[in-house]
Amino acid sequence: MACHKAGAIKVRRRIVTSMPDTRAVKAPSVPATAQSLNINASGGLLVHSEGITLSRSMGDSVALVSAPGASCASVNNGTAVTDWRGYAVAPYLADYNKNSIGLDPSTLPPISI
């Protein structure tokens, strides 16, 4: 079950040159066999004993949420969503304070008895 719809990746032929405080984009004449792929990504990557968990931007203090079997569950009112394994990164926690982290019960999968 996928939590998010995958977006299309656009492939364009171009060369991007970047200098301090300047960004220039050139579109030269390139042979039809030449291809390039430019991908921009932002966010966080948390490495833990069970693997890696991706997140949006994380801030200074974060928590790893482990909820096995609860894929696509909303964490802290939508600040994060658990992945297919039930892991999520709760971002922007208060440093050196108690923080309340929870799952939204309405987003949990149904329980089979």
C-alpha atoms as a PDB file:
ATOM      1  CA  MET A   1       0.000   0.000   0.000  1.00  0.00           C
ATOM      2  CA  ALA A   2       1.516   3.319  -1.039  1.00  0.00           C
ATOM      3  CA  CYS A   3       1.179   6.405   1.145  1.00  0.00           C
ATOM      4  CA  HIS A   4       2.010   8.950  -1.533  1.00  0.00           C
ATOM      5  CA  LYS A   5       1.514   9.115  -5.275  1.00  0.00           C
ATOM      6  CA  ALA A   6       4.752   9.018  -7.204  1.00  0.00           C
ATOM      7  CA  GLY A   7       5.408  12.073  -9.348  1.00  0.00           C
ATOM      8  CA  ALA A   8       6.719  12.086 -12.879  1.00  0.00           C
ATOM      9  CA  ILE A   9      10.421  12.639 -13.405  1.00  0.00           C
ATOM     10  CA  LYS A  10      11.202  14.955 -16.280  1.00  0.00           C
ATOM     11  CA  VAL A  11      14.341  14.362 -18.287  1.00  0.00           C
ATOM     12  CA  ARG A  12      15.790  17.380 -20.033  1.00  0.00           C
ATOM     13  CA  ARG A  13      18.943  17.960 -22.003  1.00  0.00           C
ATOM     14  CA  ARG A  14      20.743  20.842 -20.347  1.00  0.00           C
ATOM     15  CA  ILE A  15      23.934  21.824 -18.594  1.00  0.00           C
ATOM     16  CA  VAL A  16      23.709  23.673 -15.302  1.00  0.00           C
ATOM     17  CA  THR A  17      26.711  25.724 -14.254  1.00  0.00           C
ATOM     18  CA  SER A  18      26.763  27.147 -10.779  1.00  0.00           C
ATOM     19  CA  MET A  19      29.105  29.818  -9.407  1.00  0.00           C
ATOM     20  CA  PRO A  20      28.943  31.682  -6.087  1.00  0.00           C
ATOM     21  CA  ASP A  21      25.846  33.894  -6.111  1.00  0.00           C
ATOM     22  CA  THR A  22      25.183  33.009  -9.771  1.00  0.00           C
ATOM     23  CA  ARG A  23      23.282  30.257 -11.540  1.00  0.00           C
ATOM     24  CA  ALA A  24      23.413  29.958 -15.301  1.00  0.00           C
ATOM     25  CA  VAL A  25      21.524  27.438 -17.412  1.00  0.00           C
ATOM     26  CA  LYS A  26      22.749  26.716 -20.930  1.00  0.00           C
ATOM     27  CA  ALA A  27      20.904  24.652 -23.514  1.00  0.00           C
ATOM     28  CA  PRO A  28      23.583  23.648 -26.032  1.00  0.00           C
ATOM     29  CA  SER A  29      23.133  21.658 -29.198  1.00  0.00           C
ATOM     30  CA  VAL A  30      23.542  18.041 -28.073  1.00  0.00           C
ATOM     31  CA  PRO A  31      23.441  14.803 -30.064  1.00  0.00           C
ATOM     32  CA  ALA A  32      20.158  12.866 -29.795  1.00  0.00           C
ATOM     33  CA  THR A  33      21.975  10.045 -27.973  1.00  0.00           C
ATOM     34  CA  ALA A  34      23.102  12.288 -25.090  1.00  0.00           C
ATOM     35  CA  GLN A  35      20.858  12.359 -22.023  1.00  0.00           C
ATOM     36  CA  SER A  36      21.072  13.811 -18.554  1.00  0.00           C
ATOM     37  CA  LEU A  37      18.918  13.543 -15.472  1.00  0.00           C
ATOM     38  CA  ASN A  38      18.758  16.326 -12.873  1.00  0.00           C
ATOM     39  CA  ILE A  39      17.146  15.536  -9.530  1.00  0.00           C
ATOM     40  CA  ASN A  40      16.679  17.949  -6.637  1.00  0.00           C
ATOM     41  CA  ALA A  41      15.745  16.596  -3.249  1.00  0.00           C
ATOM     42  CA  SER A  42      15.441  18.105   0.186  1.00  0.00           C
ATOM     43  CA  GLY A  43      14.719  16.555   3.519  1.00  0.00           C
ATOM     44  CA  GLY A  44      16.354  14.277   6.023  1.00  0.00           C
ATOM     45  CA  LEU A  45      17.734  10.779   6.280  1.00  0.00           C
ATOM     46  CA  LEU A  46      17.876   9.025   9.658  1.00  0.00           C
ATOM     47  CA  VAL A  47      20.119   5.961   9.919  1.00  0.00           C
ATOM     48  CA  HIS A  48      19.161   3.459  12.635  1.00  0.00           C
ATOM     49  CA  SER A  49      19.656  -0.228  13.472  1.00  0.00           C
ATOM     50  CA  GLU A  50      16.754  -1.330  11.243  1.00  0.00           C
ATOM     51  CA  GLY A  51      17.856   0.665   8.182  1.00  0.00           C
ATOM     52  CA  ILE A  52      17.171   4.195   7.017  1.00  0.00           C
ATOM     53  CA  THR A  53      14.089   6.367   7.300  1.00  0.00           C
ATOM     54  CA  LEU A  54      13.475   9.378   5.064  1.00  0.00           C
ATOM     55  CA  SER A  55      11.742  12.521   6.252  1.00  0.00           C
ATOM     56  CA  ARG A  56      10.976  16.091   5.348  1.00  0.00           C
ATOM     57  CA  SER A  57      13.260  18.685   6.927  1.00  0.00           C
ATOM     58  CA  MET A  58      14.110  17.602  10.458  1.00  0.00           C
ATOM     59  CA  GLY A  59      15.238  20.501  12.661  1.00  0.00           C
ATOM     60  CA  ASP A  60      17.735  20.137  15.518  1.00  0.00           C
ATOM     61  CA  SER A  61      15.938  17.480  17.590  1.00  0.00           C
ATOM     62  CA  VAL A  62      14.033  14.513  16.183  1.00  0.00           C
ATOM     63  CA  ALA A  63      12.656  11.165  17.333  1.00  0.00           C
ATOM     64  CA  LEU A  64      12.420   7.868  15.500  1.00  0.00           C
ATOM     65  CA  VAL A  65       8.866   6.510  15.757  1.00  0.00           C
ATOM     66  CA  SER A  66       8.561   2.725  15.523  1.00  0.00           C
ATOM     67  CA  ALA A  67       5.032   1.396  14.999  1.00  0.00           C
ATOM     68  CA  PRO A  68       5.334  -2.046  13.341  1.00  0.00           C
ATOM     69  CA  GLY A  69       2.298  -2.840  11.210  1.00  0.00           C
ATOM     70  CA  ALA A  70       1.117   0.770  11.120  1.00  0.00           C
ATOM     71  CA  SER A  71       2.178   1.860   7.651  1.00  0.00           C
ATOM     72  CA  CYS A  72       0.888   5.238   6.447  1.00  0.00           C
ATOM     73  CA  ALA A  73      -0.162   6.321   9.955  1.00  0.00           C
ATOM     74  CA  SER A  74      -0.072  10.059  10.668  1.00  0.00           C
ATOM     75  CA  VAL A  75       2.343  11.157  13.404  1.00  0.00           C
ATOM     76  CA  ASN A  76       1.773  14.306  15.526  1.00  0.00           C
ATOM     77  CA  ASN A  77      -1.148  15.746  13.576  1.00  0.00           C
ATOM     78  CA  GLY A  78       0.395  15.176  10.175  1.00  0.00           C
ATOM     79  CA  THR A  79       3.979  16.350  10.781  1.00  0.00           C
ATOM     80  CA  ALA A  80       5.134  12.926   9.538  1.00  0.00           C
ATOM     81  CA  VAL A  81       3.753   9.676   8.127  1.00  0.00           C
ATOM     82  CA  THR A  82       5.048   6.177   8.875  1.00  0.00           C
ATOM     83  CA  ASP A  83       6.685   4.273   6.022  1.00  0.00           C
ATOM     84  CA  TRP A  84       5.809   0.750   4.851  1.00  0.00           C
ATOM     85  CA  ARG A  85       7.708  -0.726   7.856  1.00  0.00           C
ATOM     86  CA  GLY A  86       5.997   1.523  10.411  1.00  0.00           C
ATOM     87  CA  TYR A  87       8.903   3.945  10.941  1.00  0.00           C
ATOM     88  CA  ALA A  88       8.699   7.731  10.864  1.00  0.00           C
ATOM     89  CA  VAL A  89      10.800  10.687  11.939  1.00  0.00           C
ATOM     90  CA  ALA A  90       9.039  13.145  14.266  1.00  0.00           C
ATOM     91  CA  PRO A  91      10.716  16.486  13.429  1.00  0.00           C
ATOM     92  CA  TYR A  92      11.196  19.800  15.232  1.00  0.00           C
ATOM     93  CA  LEU A  93      11.048  18.569  18.822  1.00  0.00           C
ATOM     94  CA  ALA A  94      11.886  20.873  21.741  1.00  0.00           C
ATOM     95  CA  ASP A  95      15.503  20.431  22.869  1.00  0.00           C
ATOM     96  CA  TYR A  96      15.998  19.125  26.431  1.00  0.00           C
ATOM     97  CA  ASN A  97      12.248  18.980  27.124  1.00  0.00           C
ATOM     98  CA  LYS A  98       9.588  16.314  27.265  1.00  0.00           C
ATOM     99  CA  ASN A  99       7.869  16.038  23.906  1.00  0.00           C
ATOM    100  CA  SER A 100       4.542  14.376  23.197  1.00  0.00           C
ATOM    101  CA  ILE A 101       4.598  12.101  20.152  1.00  0.00           C
ATOM    102  CA  GLY A 102       1.594  10.095  19.056  1.00  0.00           C
ATOM    103  CA  LEU A 103      -0.150   8.412  16.159  1.00  0.00           C
ATOM    104  CA  ASP A 104      -3.494   9.635  14.853  1.00  0.00           C
ATOM    105  CA  PRO A 105      -5.864   6.710  15.603  1.00  0.00           C
ATOM    106  CA  SER A 106      -8.057   7.525  12.591  1.00  0.00           C
ATOM    107  CA  THR A 107      -5.090   6.780  10.268  1.00  0.00           C
ATOM    108  CA  LEU A 108      -4.219   3.387  11.798  1.00  0.00           C
ATOM    109  CA  PRO A 109      -4.967   0.223   9.828  1.00  0.00           C
ATOM    110  CA  PRO A 110      -7.972  -1.845  10.960  1.00  0.00           C
ATOM    111  CA  ILE A 111      -7.340  -4.497  13.621  1.00  0.00           C
ATOM    112  CA  SER A 112      -8.305  -8.061  12.753  1.00  0.00           C
ATOM    113  CA  ILE A 113      -9.493 -10.115  15.711  1.00  0.00           C
END
